[in-house]
Amino acid sequence: MLCRLSDLRDKEVVNINNGSCMGCVSDVELDTCSARVTAIVIYGRSRLFGLLGRDEDTVICWSEIQCIGEDTVLVKYCPPPGAASCRRKDSILDRLFG
């Protein structure tokens, strides 16, 4: 299957380790010396409609991608310890809008 970068964008990314939907492909990282895609990037969730910034971006190495389908990208991703997905839920904004 041939896939353009514009086709890769907006595909849902599913982690096969736990079955969770991680978001959609937002960007890619390229190695300009070898002209290869090295990683895909999922932008972090925006906080309060983007007024308070957004969470950390998730960068998934190309070697962690298992399959690219028509609608989804299956990855085998283990988040690093202390990643943004494990952030505390005790702030007032998270209780109101989280």
Protein backbone atom coordinates (compact mmCIF):
# COMPACT_ATOMS: atom_id res chain seq x y z
CA MET A 1 0.00 0.00 0.00
CA LEU A 2 1.37 3.38 -0.95
CA CYS A 3 0.77 6.14 1.55
CA ARG A 4 1.48 9.85 1.29
CA LEU A 5 2.28 11.95 4.32
CA SER A 6 -1.00 13.77 3.85
CA ASP A 7 -2.78 10.39 3.99
CA LEU A 8 -0.89 9.41 7.14
CA ARG A 9 -1.98 12.58 8.86
CA ASP A 10 -5.26 12.31 10.79
CA LYS A 11 -5.15 8.50 11.03
CA GLU A 12 -6.00 7.22 14.49
CA VAL A 13 -3.13 5.68 16.44
CA VAL A 14 -3.98 2.61 18.53
CA ASN A 15 -1.57 1.13 21.06
CA ILE A 16 -1.71 -2.67 20.77
CA ASN A 17 -0.18 -3.11 24.25
CA ASN A 18 -3.35 -1.93 25.98
CA GLY A 19 -5.83 -1.27 23.15
CA SER A 20 -6.06 2.46 23.85
CA CYS A 21 -6.57 5.12 21.23
CA MET A 22 -3.68 7.55 21.57
CA GLY A 23 -5.00 10.22 19.22
CA CYS A 24 -4.36 11.06 15.58
CA VAL A 25 -1.11 11.49 13.70
CA SER A 26 -0.41 15.21 13.69
CA ASP A 27 3.11 15.42 12.32
CA VAL A 28 6.10 13.34 11.25
CA GLU A 29 9.81 13.61 11.90
CA LEU A 30 12.14 13.24 8.93
CA ASP A 31 15.85 12.47 8.74
CA THR A 32 16.94 14.84 6.01
CA CYS A 33 20.26 13.06 5.44
CA SER A 34 18.71 9.70 4.60
CA ALA A 35 15.29 11.04 3.48
CA ARG A 36 13.42 8.67 5.80
CA VAL A 37 10.58 9.10 8.25
CA THR A 38 11.97 8.49 11.74
CA ALA A 39 8.90 9.08 13.93
CA ILE A 40 5.27 10.13 14.04
CA VAL A 41 4.05 12.81 16.43
CA ILE A 42 0.72 13.00 18.24
CA TYR A 43 0.04 16.48 19.60
CA GLY A 44 -0.90 16.68 23.26
CA ARG A 45 -4.46 17.36 24.35
CA SER A 46 -5.23 21.07 24.56
CA ARG A 47 -6.22 22.45 27.94
CA LEU A 48 -9.14 24.85 28.25
CA PHE A 49 -9.59 25.24 24.49
CA GLY A 50 -5.87 25.87 24.03
CA LEU A 51 -5.78 28.93 26.31
CA LEU A 52 -3.66 27.08 28.88
CA GLY A 53 -1.44 25.38 26.33
CA ARG A 54 -1.49 21.66 25.81
CA ASP A 55 -0.06 18.46 27.22
CA GLU A 56 3.24 16.96 26.07
CA ASP A 57 3.42 15.66 22.51
CA THR A 58 3.85 11.91 22.05
CA VAL A 59 6.67 10.91 19.70
CA ILE A 60 6.52 7.33 18.42
CA CYS A 61 9.60 5.93 16.69
CA TRP A 62 9.12 4.38 13.28
CA SER A 63 10.38 1.03 14.63
CA GLU A 64 7.44 0.92 17.08
CA ILE A 65 4.86 1.05 14.26
CA GLN A 66 3.43 -2.40 13.64
CA CYS A 67 0.89 -1.80 10.86
CA ILE A 68 -0.51 1.11 8.87
CA GLY A 69 -4.06 0.48 7.75
CA GLU A 70 -6.60 2.54 5.83
CA ASP A 71 -7.99 4.22 8.96
CA THR A 72 -5.60 3.41 11.79
CA VAL A 73 -1.95 3.04 12.70
CA LEU A 74 -1.17 0.20 15.10
CA VAL A 75 1.81 0.81 17.37
CA LYS A 76 3.57 -1.08 20.14
CA TYR A 77 4.32 1.87 22.42
CA CYS A 78 5.49 1.85 26.02
CA PRO A 79 5.40 5.37 27.48
CA PRO A 80 8.48 6.47 29.40
CA PRO A 81 8.16 6.58 33.21
CA GLY A 82 6.56 9.82 34.39
CA ALA A 83 4.94 10.54 31.03
CA ALA A 84 2.20 13.16 30.65
CA SER A 85 -0.47 10.44 30.42
CA CYS A 86 0.21 9.71 34.11
CA ARG A 87 -0.14 13.29 35.26
CA ARG A 88 -1.96 14.14 38.47
CA LYS A 89 -5.69 14.86 38.36
CA ASP A 90 -5.90 17.02 41.46
CA SER A 91 -5.85 20.53 40.00
CA ILE A 92 -9.04 22.56 39.95
CA LEU A 93 -9.00 22.91 36.16
CA ASP A 94 -8.70 19.16 35.69
CA ARG A 95 -11.66 18.61 37.98
CA LEU A 96 -13.74 21.18 36.10
CA PHE A 97 -12.72 20.41 32.52
CA GLY A 98 -10.85 17.07 32.64
